[in-house]
Amino acid sequence: MDSQLSLVLSPGYIEDLDGLPMEDVRARRTICQRLEAGHSLMRRIIQGRLDILGNELGRRQGAETAGEDDLIGRLPEILSEPRAANSPGRPPSTMEPELIDDELAAKVEAAISPQDLSSLADMDDAKLAAASDTLARLEQQVSEQRRMLHERIDVVQAEVMRRYRSGEVSVDSLLQ
């Protein structure tokens, strides 16, 4: 796991926030938000690949929903299918996910690369199923890490709000 993610997910990261300067509390919130944005992007990538693999497996099994043999022609339909929402419906705090876990990205690429996706017809069923299983496990891992990041964001944000409510810091300090 990426060292910054390990640090943020450690219990000590959100302990004793009230003893930190406000700039440090805000910095911790920003890091959590950036990591969450990176995980959100990786989760969408994993889900897209899972959808493509699932559609290909369905096509091979003769499923009616699989559609035509041309993957490129099926992509709009595959990628627009609604998925079950199993994560908080929070809007991203940033649209620039700068902190992507390199180890996680490498695992996703190893499971099924864009080159593999472009030649699914040449891939045997066992490799396709193995890639799908690996991606499903990675999606669970990323979802759990996102849940933990959301918890940390909530704790840090609560400390920021507590300081404003108590008068320890003022909105005017943001304008200086």
Protein backbone atom coordinates (compact mmCIF):
# COMPACT_ATOMS: atom_id res chain seq x y z
CA MET A 1 0.00 0.00 0.00
CA ASP A 2 1.20 3.49 -0.80
CA SER A 3 3.06 4.95 2.21
CA GLN A 4 0.94 8.12 2.29
CA LEU A 5 -2.26 6.06 2.24
CA SER A 6 -0.88 3.85 5.03
CA LEU A 7 -0.14 6.94 7.11
CA VAL A 8 -3.61 8.43 6.56
CA LEU A 9 -5.36 5.15 7.33
CA SER A 10 -3.38 4.61 10.53
CA PRO A 11 -5.36 5.29 13.73
CA GLY A 12 -2.94 7.99 14.85
CA TYR A 13 -3.66 10.18 11.84
CA ILE A 14 -6.91 11.46 13.33
CA GLU A 15 -5.96 11.35 17.00
CA ASP A 16 -5.29 14.55 18.94
CA LEU A 17 -6.38 16.86 16.11
CA ASP A 18 -7.32 19.48 18.67
CA GLY A 19 -3.64 19.89 19.52
CA LEU A 20 -2.59 20.67 15.96
CA PRO A 21 -2.43 24.11 14.37
CA MET A 22 -5.36 24.85 12.05
CA GLU A 23 -3.07 24.80 8.99
CA ASP A 24 -2.06 21.23 9.83
CA VAL A 25 -5.68 20.14 10.30
CA ARG A 26 -6.61 21.65 6.93
CA ALA A 27 -3.56 20.00 5.33
CA ARG A 28 -4.66 16.61 6.67
CA ARG A 29 -8.15 17.15 5.30
CA THR A 30 -6.72 18.07 1.89
CA ILE A 31 -4.54 14.96 1.78
CA CYS A 32 -7.51 12.77 2.71
CA GLN A 33 -9.63 14.40 0.01
CA ARG A 34 -6.94 13.99 -2.63
CA LEU A 35 -6.43 10.33 -1.74
CA GLU A 36 -10.18 9.77 -1.82
CA ALA A 37 -10.39 11.38 -5.28
CA GLY A 38 -7.63 9.06 -6.51
CA HIS A 39 -9.42 6.04 -5.06
CA SER A 40 -12.70 7.17 -6.55
CA LEU A 41 -11.09 7.34 -9.99
CA MET A 42 -9.47 3.92 -9.57
CA ARG A 43 -12.80 2.46 -8.47
CA ARG A 44 -14.49 3.81 -11.59
CA ILE A 45 -11.70 2.33 -13.75
CA ILE A 46 -12.06 -1.04 -12.05
CA GLN A 47 -15.84 -0.98 -12.39
CA GLY A 48 -15.60 -0.11 -16.07
CA ARG A 49 -13.25 -3.01 -16.69
CA LEU A 50 -15.49 -5.32 -14.66
CA ASP A 51 -18.48 -4.25 -16.76
CA ILE A 52 -16.58 -4.94 -19.98
CA LEU A 53 -15.41 -8.36 -18.77
CA GLY A 54 -18.88 -9.24 -17.50
CA ASN A 55 -20.39 -8.32 -20.82
CA GLU A 56 -17.83 -10.42 -22.68
CA LEU A 57 -18.45 -13.40 -20.40
CA GLY A 58 -22.19 -12.96 -20.98
CA ARG A 59 -21.67 -12.76 -24.73
CA ARG A 60 -19.74 -16.01 -24.67
CA GLN A 61 -22.48 -17.68 -22.67
CA GLY A 62 -25.09 -16.44 -25.13
CA ALA A 63 -26.74 -13.91 -22.82
CA GLU A 64 -29.34 -11.77 -24.57
CA THR A 65 -28.00 -8.58 -23.00
CA ALA A 66 -24.51 -9.11 -24.35
CA GLY A 67 -25.40 -7.69 -27.76
CA GLU A 68 -23.25 -7.72 -30.85
CA ASP A 69 -19.78 -9.27 -31.16
CA ASP A 70 -18.01 -5.93 -31.67
CA LEU A 71 -16.71 -4.70 -28.31
CA ILE A 72 -16.23 -1.13 -29.53
CA GLY A 73 -19.82 -1.03 -30.72
CA ARG A 74 -21.04 -2.32 -27.34
CA LEU A 75 -18.99 0.05 -25.15
CA PRO A 76 -21.57 2.85 -24.85
CA GLU A 77 -24.18 0.37 -23.67
CA ILE A 78 -21.79 -1.54 -21.39
CA LEU A 79 -20.40 1.52 -19.67
CA SER A 80 -23.74 3.27 -19.28
CA GLU A 81 -25.46 0.45 -17.42
CA PRO A 82 -26.31 1.50 -13.86
CA ARG A 83 -24.39 -0.21 -11.08
CA ALA A 84 -25.56 -0.90 -7.58
CA ALA A 85 -24.52 1.96 -5.37
CA ASN A 86 -22.56 0.59 -2.44
CA SER A 87 -20.62 3.69 -1.54
CA PRO A 88 -21.52 7.08 -0.14
CA GLY A 89 -22.92 9.34 -2.83
CA ARG A 90 -20.55 12.18 -2.06
CA PRO A 91 -19.54 14.55 -4.80
CA PRO A 92 -15.77 14.66 -5.25
CA SER A 93 -14.06 17.51 -3.44
CA THR A 94 -11.55 17.78 -6.24
CA MET A 95 -11.64 16.79 -9.87
CA GLU A 96 -7.87 16.40 -9.99
CA PRO A 97 -6.98 13.10 -8.34
CA GLU A 98 -3.27 13.65 -7.93
CA LEU A 99 -2.78 10.93 -5.33
CA ILE A 100 -3.34 7.58 -6.98
CA ASP A 101 -1.95 4.51 -5.23
CA ASP A 102 0.71 3.29 -7.70
CA GLU A 103 0.62 -0.22 -6.26
CA LEU A 104 -3.15 -0.41 -6.77
CA ALA A 105 -2.88 0.94 -10.32
CA ALA A 106 -0.25 -1.70 -11.10
CA LYS A 107 -2.52 -4.46 -9.75
CA VAL A 108 -5.38 -3.26 -11.95
CA GLU A 109 -3.10 -3.20 -15.00
CA ALA A 110 -1.79 -6.67 -14.15
CA ALA A 111 -5.33 -8.03 -13.86
CA ILE A 112 -6.36 -6.70 -17.27
CA SER A 113 -4.56 -4.03 -19.22
CA PRO A 114 -6.06 -1.78 -21.88
CA GLN A 115 -4.26 -3.94 -24.45
CA ASP A 116 -5.97 -7.04 -23.01
CA LEU A 117 -9.32 -5.27 -23.20
CA SER A 118 -8.78 -4.55 -26.87
CA SER A 119 -8.34 -8.26 -27.62
CA LEU A 120 -10.88 -9.96 -25.36
CA ALA A 121 -12.00 -12.26 -28.17
CA ASP A 122 -8.52 -13.82 -28.12
CA MET A 123 -8.54 -14.39 -24.35
CA ASP A 124 -9.60 -17.79 -23.04
CA ASP A 125 -12.48 -18.11 -20.59
CA ALA A 126 -10.25 -19.05 -17.64
CA LYS A 127 -8.07 -15.94 -18.01
CA LEU A 128 -11.18 -13.78 -18.44
CA ALA A 129 -12.77 -15.22 -15.29
CA ALA A 130 -9.51 -14.87 -13.32
CA ALA A 131 -9.18 -11.22 -14.36
CA SER A 132 -12.79 -10.58 -13.35
CA ASP A 133 -12.25 -12.23 -9.94
CA THR A 134 -9.08 -10.20 -9.34
CA LEU A 135 -10.82 -6.95 -10.28
CA ALA A 136 -13.76 -7.77 -8.02
CA ARG A 137 -11.37 -8.26 -5.07
CA LEU A 138 -9.58 -5.00 -5.92
CA GLU A 139 -12.91 -3.18 -6.12
CA GLN A 140 -13.78 -4.42 -2.62
CA GLN A 141 -10.39 -3.28 -1.32
CA VAL A 142 -10.72 0.16 -2.90
CA SER A 143 -14.28 0.55 -1.62
CA GLU A 144 -13.17 -0.29 1.93
CA GLN A 145 -10.26 2.16 1.72
CA ARG A 146 -12.60 4.86 0.40
CA ARG A 147 -14.97 4.21 3.29
CA MET A 148 -12.07 4.65 5.71
CA LEU A 149 -10.94 7.82 3.92
CA HIS A 150 -14.49 9.22 4.17
CA GLU A 151 -14.44 8.51 7.91
CA ARG A 152 -11.17 10.43 8.25
CA ILE A 153 -12.46 13.32 6.16
CA ASP A 154 -15.53 13.49 8.43
CA VAL A 155 -13.42 13.49 11.62
CA VAL A 156 -11.04 16.16 10.34
CA GLN A 157 -13.90 18.27 8.97
CA ALA A 158 -15.67 18.00 12.33
CA GLU A 159 -12.55 19.39 14.03
CA VAL A 160 -12.45 22.31 11.58
CA MET A 161 -16.12 23.04 12.23
CA ARG A 162 -15.65 22.74 16.01
CA ARG A 163 -12.93 25.39 15.90
CA TYR A 164 -15.13 27.78 13.94
CA ARG A 165 -18.11 27.21 16.24
CA SER A 166 -16.04 27.67 19.39
CA GLY A 167 -14.41 30.83 18.07
CA GLU A 168 -10.87 29.38 18.14
CA VAL A 169 -10.61 30.44 14.50
CA SER A 170 -12.71 32.83 12.49
CA VAL A 171 -13.83 33.00 8.91
CA ASP A 172 -11.89 36.27 8.68
CA SER A 173 -8.65 34.25 9.02
CA LEU A 174 -9.41 32.68 5.64
CA LEU A 175 -9.44 36.10 3.99
CA GLN A 176 -6.00 37.15 5.21
